[in-house]
Amino acid sequence: MALLAHRRHSDKGGVKLALISYISAGDFFQAYQAGAEAQAKALGIDLRVFPGRQNAAEQREQILQAINLGVEGIVVDHGVP
């Protein structure tokens, strides 16, 4: 999704995406987030990371926040790896 959005808008500047995770702690998440951030940087994508802290209600609010920020895509991580 991010790559397609970047290709479509590459002549207009960066694309804003949100990464909303249910789990935001531990080695798996740290590696996952670092990889997402590195790839976003390489593609010129403005990635906003929202840590869910294992709280579905908070994750829902973060999705609404991302929409209000005007992101062009939202990646939702549903939970346990």
N, C-alpha and C. Protein backbone atom coordinates (compact mmCIF):
# COMPACT_ATOMS: atom_id res chain seq x y z
N MET A 1 0.82 -1.18 0.00
CA MET A 1 0.00 0.00 0.00
C MET A 1 0.87 1.25 0.00
N ALA A 2 1.85 1.33 0.86
CA ALA A 2 2.69 2.52 0.95
C ALA A 2 3.45 2.75 -0.34
N LEU A 3 3.97 1.69 -0.91
CA LEU A 3 4.74 1.83 -2.14
C LEU A 3 3.86 2.34 -3.27
N LEU A 4 2.64 1.84 -3.39
CA LEU A 4 1.74 2.30 -4.44
C LEU A 4 1.38 3.76 -4.24
N ALA A 5 1.14 4.16 -3.01
CA ALA A 5 0.80 5.55 -2.74
C ALA A 5 1.98 6.45 -3.09
N HIS A 6 3.19 5.99 -2.78
CA HIS A 6 4.37 6.79 -3.08
C HIS A 6 4.56 6.94 -4.58
N ARG A 7 4.38 5.90 -5.32
CA ARG A 7 4.53 5.98 -6.77
C ARG A 7 3.51 6.93 -7.38
N ARG A 8 2.32 6.91 -6.88
CA ARG A 8 1.25 7.74 -7.41
C ARG A 8 1.51 9.22 -7.15
N HIS A 9 2.15 9.56 -6.00
CA HIS A 9 2.33 10.95 -5.61
C HIS A 9 3.79 11.38 -5.59
N SER A 10 4.69 10.60 -6.14
CA SER A 10 6.11 10.90 -6.00
C SER A 10 6.50 12.24 -6.59
N ASP A 11 5.77 12.74 -7.57
CA ASP A 11 6.10 14.03 -8.16
C ASP A 11 5.50 15.19 -7.36
N LYS A 12 4.70 14.91 -6.35
CA LYS A 12 4.04 15.95 -5.56
C LYS A 12 4.61 16.07 -4.15
N GLY A 13 5.65 15.33 -3.84
CA GLY A 13 6.20 15.37 -2.49
C GLY A 13 5.81 14.14 -1.70
N GLY A 14 6.06 14.20 -0.41
CA GLY A 14 5.84 13.04 0.46
C GLY A 14 4.39 12.66 0.65
N VAL A 15 4.22 11.42 1.00
CA VAL A 15 2.91 10.87 1.30
C VAL A 15 2.85 10.69 2.81
N LYS A 16 1.70 10.98 3.41
CA LYS A 16 1.52 10.79 4.85
C LYS A 16 0.78 9.48 5.10
N LEU A 17 1.41 8.62 5.89
CA LEU A 17 0.80 7.34 6.28
C LEU A 17 0.83 7.22 7.79
N ALA A 18 -0.09 6.43 8.32
CA ALA A 18 -0.13 6.14 9.76
C ALA A 18 0.06 4.65 9.98
N LEU A 19 0.85 4.32 10.99
CA LEU A 19 1.02 2.94 11.44
C LEU A 19 0.44 2.87 12.84
N ILE A 20 -0.63 2.12 12.98
CA ILE A 20 -1.33 2.03 14.27
C ILE A 20 -1.21 0.59 14.76
N SER A 21 -0.49 0.43 15.87
CA SER A 21 -0.19 -0.90 16.38
C SER A 21 -0.95 -1.18 17.67
N TYR A 22 -1.36 -2.41 17.82
CA TYR A 22 -2.02 -2.84 19.05
C TYR A 22 -0.97 -3.07 20.14
N ILE A 23 0.12 -3.71 19.77
CA ILE A 23 1.23 -3.97 20.70
C ILE A 23 2.33 -2.97 20.40
N SER A 24 2.85 -2.33 21.44
CA SER A 24 3.87 -1.32 21.21
C SER A 24 5.11 -1.52 22.08
N ALA A 25 5.31 -2.73 22.57
CA ALA A 25 6.48 -3.01 23.39
C ALA A 25 7.07 -4.36 23.00
N GLY A 26 8.33 -4.55 23.32
CA GLY A 26 8.98 -5.83 23.07
C GLY A 26 9.85 -5.81 21.82
N ASP A 27 10.68 -6.84 21.71
CA ASP A 27 11.64 -6.93 20.61
C ASP A 27 10.97 -6.98 19.24
N PHE A 28 9.91 -7.75 19.13
CA PHE A 28 9.23 -7.88 17.84
C PHE A 28 8.72 -6.52 17.37
N PHE A 29 8.02 -5.82 18.23
CA PHE A 29 7.47 -4.53 17.83
C PHE A 29 8.57 -3.53 17.51
N GLN A 30 9.64 -3.52 18.30
CA GLN A 30 10.74 -2.58 18.05
C GLN A 30 11.35 -2.83 16.67
N ALA A 31 11.55 -4.10 16.32
CA ALA A 31 12.09 -4.43 15.00
C ALA A 31 11.10 -4.08 13.90
N TYR A 32 9.83 -4.36 14.12
CA TYR A 32 8.76 -4.05 13.17
C TYR A 32 8.69 -2.56 12.90
N GLN A 33 8.68 -1.77 13.99
CA GLN A 33 8.60 -0.31 13.85
C GLN A 33 9.85 0.24 13.18
N ALA A 34 11.02 -0.23 13.56
CA ALA A 34 12.26 0.25 12.96
C ALA A 34 12.29 -0.03 11.46
N GLY A 35 11.83 -1.21 11.07
CA GLY A 35 11.78 -1.55 9.65
C GLY A 35 10.80 -0.68 8.89
N ALA A 36 9.64 -0.44 9.47
CA ALA A 36 8.64 0.42 8.83
C ALA A 36 9.16 1.84 8.68
N GLU A 37 9.81 2.34 9.72
CA GLU A 37 10.35 3.70 9.67
C GLU A 37 11.48 3.82 8.65
N ALA A 38 12.34 2.82 8.58
CA ALA A 38 13.44 2.84 7.62
C ALA A 38 12.91 2.80 6.19
N GLN A 39 11.93 1.96 5.94
CA GLN A 39 11.37 1.87 4.59
C GLN A 39 10.65 3.17 4.22
N ALA A 40 9.92 3.74 5.17
CA ALA A 40 9.23 5.00 4.90
C ALA A 40 10.23 6.10 4.57
N LYS A 41 11.31 6.17 5.32
CA LYS A 41 12.34 7.17 5.06
C LYS A 41 12.95 6.98 3.67
N ALA A 42 13.23 5.73 3.32
CA ALA A 42 13.83 5.45 2.01
C ALA A 42 12.91 5.86 0.87
N LEU A 43 11.60 5.81 1.10
CA LEU A 43 10.63 6.15 0.05
C LEU A 43 10.13 7.59 0.14
N GLY A 44 10.62 8.34 1.12
CA GLY A 44 10.18 9.72 1.28
C GLY A 44 8.77 9.84 1.83
N ILE A 45 8.36 8.87 2.63
CA ILE A 45 7.02 8.84 3.21
C ILE A 45 7.05 9.42 4.62
N ASP A 46 6.10 10.28 4.93
CA ASP A 46 5.93 10.82 6.27
C ASP A 46 5.10 9.81 7.06
N LEU A 47 5.77 9.01 7.90
CA LEU A 47 5.10 7.95 8.65
C LEU A 47 4.82 8.42 10.07
N ARG A 48 3.56 8.37 10.47
CA ARG A 48 3.15 8.69 11.84
C ARG A 48 2.88 7.36 12.55
N VAL A 49 3.59 7.12 13.65
CA VAL A 49 3.44 5.87 14.41
C VAL A 49 2.61 6.15 15.65
N PHE A 50 1.56 5.35 15.83
CA PHE A 50 0.68 5.45 16.99
C PHE A 50 0.79 4.15 17.79
N PRO A 51 1.40 4.16 18.98
CA PRO A 51 1.49 2.95 19.79
C PRO A 51 0.17 2.67 20.53
N GLY A 52 -0.39 1.49 20.33
CA GLY A 52 -1.70 1.17 20.90
C GLY A 52 -1.72 0.75 22.35
N ARG A 53 -0.60 0.29 22.86
CA ARG A 53 -0.49 -0.14 24.25
C ARG A 53 -1.52 -1.20 24.63
N GLN A 54 -1.82 -2.08 23.72
CA GLN A 54 -2.74 -3.21 23.92
C GLN A 54 -4.10 -2.75 24.43
N ASN A 55 -4.60 -1.69 23.84
CA ASN A 55 -5.88 -1.14 24.25
C ASN A 55 -6.70 -0.86 22.99
N ALA A 56 -7.69 -1.70 22.73
CA ALA A 56 -8.48 -1.58 21.50
C ALA A 56 -9.21 -0.25 21.41
N ALA A 57 -9.70 0.27 22.52
CA ALA A 57 -10.40 1.55 22.51
C ALA A 57 -9.44 2.68 22.12
N GLU A 58 -8.23 2.62 22.65
CA GLU A 58 -7.22 3.62 22.30
C GLU A 58 -6.83 3.51 20.83
N GLN A 59 -6.72 2.27 20.35
CA GLN A 59 -6.38 2.06 18.94
C GLN A 59 -7.47 2.65 18.04
N ARG A 60 -8.71 2.50 18.43
CA ARG A 60 -9.82 3.09 17.67
C ARG A 60 -9.68 4.61 17.62
N GLU A 61 -9.37 5.23 18.74
CA GLU A 61 -9.19 6.68 18.80
C GLU A 61 -8.01 7.11 17.92
N GLN A 62 -6.97 6.31 17.91
CA GLN A 62 -5.79 6.64 17.09
C GLN A 62 -6.13 6.57 15.60
N ILE A 63 -6.98 5.66 15.22
CA ILE A 63 -7.42 5.60 13.82
C ILE A 63 -8.16 6.89 13.46
N LEU A 64 -9.03 7.34 14.35
CA LEU A 64 -9.75 8.60 14.12
C LEU A 64 -8.78 9.78 14.06
N GLN A 65 -7.77 9.80 14.93
CA GLN A 65 -6.77 10.86 14.90
C GLN A 65 -6.03 10.87 13.57
N ALA A 66 -5.66 9.69 13.09
CA ALA A 66 -4.94 9.58 11.82
C ALA A 66 -5.79 10.12 10.67
N ILE A 67 -7.07 9.78 10.68
CA ILE A 67 -7.98 10.28 9.65
C ILE A 67 -8.04 11.80 9.71
N ASN A 68 -8.14 12.36 10.92
CA ASN A 68 -8.20 13.81 11.10
C ASN A 68 -6.91 14.50 10.68
N LEU A 69 -5.78 13.79 10.76
CA LEU A 69 -4.51 14.35 10.32
C LEU A 69 -4.40 14.39 8.79
N GLY A 70 -5.31 13.69 8.12
CA GLY A 70 -5.32 13.70 6.67
C GLY A 70 -4.33 12.73 6.04
N VAL A 71 -4.00 11.65 6.75
CA VAL A 71 -3.08 10.68 6.16
C VAL A 71 -3.73 10.03 4.94
N GLU A 72 -2.90 9.58 4.02
CA GLU A 72 -3.40 8.98 2.79
C GLU A 72 -3.54 7.47 2.87
N GLY A 73 -3.03 6.89 3.95
CA GLY A 73 -3.15 5.46 4.16
C GLY A 73 -2.93 5.13 5.62
N ILE A 74 -3.58 4.07 6.07
CA ILE A 74 -3.45 3.64 7.47
C ILE A 74 -3.13 2.15 7.49
N VAL A 75 -2.05 1.82 8.18
CA VAL A 75 -1.68 0.42 8.39
C VAL A 75 -2.07 0.08 9.82
N VAL A 76 -2.96 -0.88 10.00
CA VAL A 76 -3.41 -1.27 11.32
C VAL A 76 -2.83 -2.64 11.65
N ASP A 77 -2.05 -2.68 12.73
CA ASP A 77 -1.49 -3.93 13.22
C ASP A 77 -2.45 -4.46 14.28
N HIS A 78 -3.03 -5.62 14.01
CA HIS A 78 -4.11 -6.14 14.85
C HIS A 78 -3.71 -6.72 16.18
N GLY A 79 -2.46 -7.06 16.37
CA GLY A 79 -2.11 -7.60 17.68
C GLY A 79 -0.93 -8.53 17.71
N VAL A 80 -1.10 -9.64 18.36
CA VAL A 80 -0.04 -10.58 18.67
C VAL A 80 0.65 -11.07 17.40
N PRO A 81 2.03 -11.05 17.40
CA PRO A 81 2.75 -11.52 16.21
C PRO A 81 2.58 -13.00 15.97
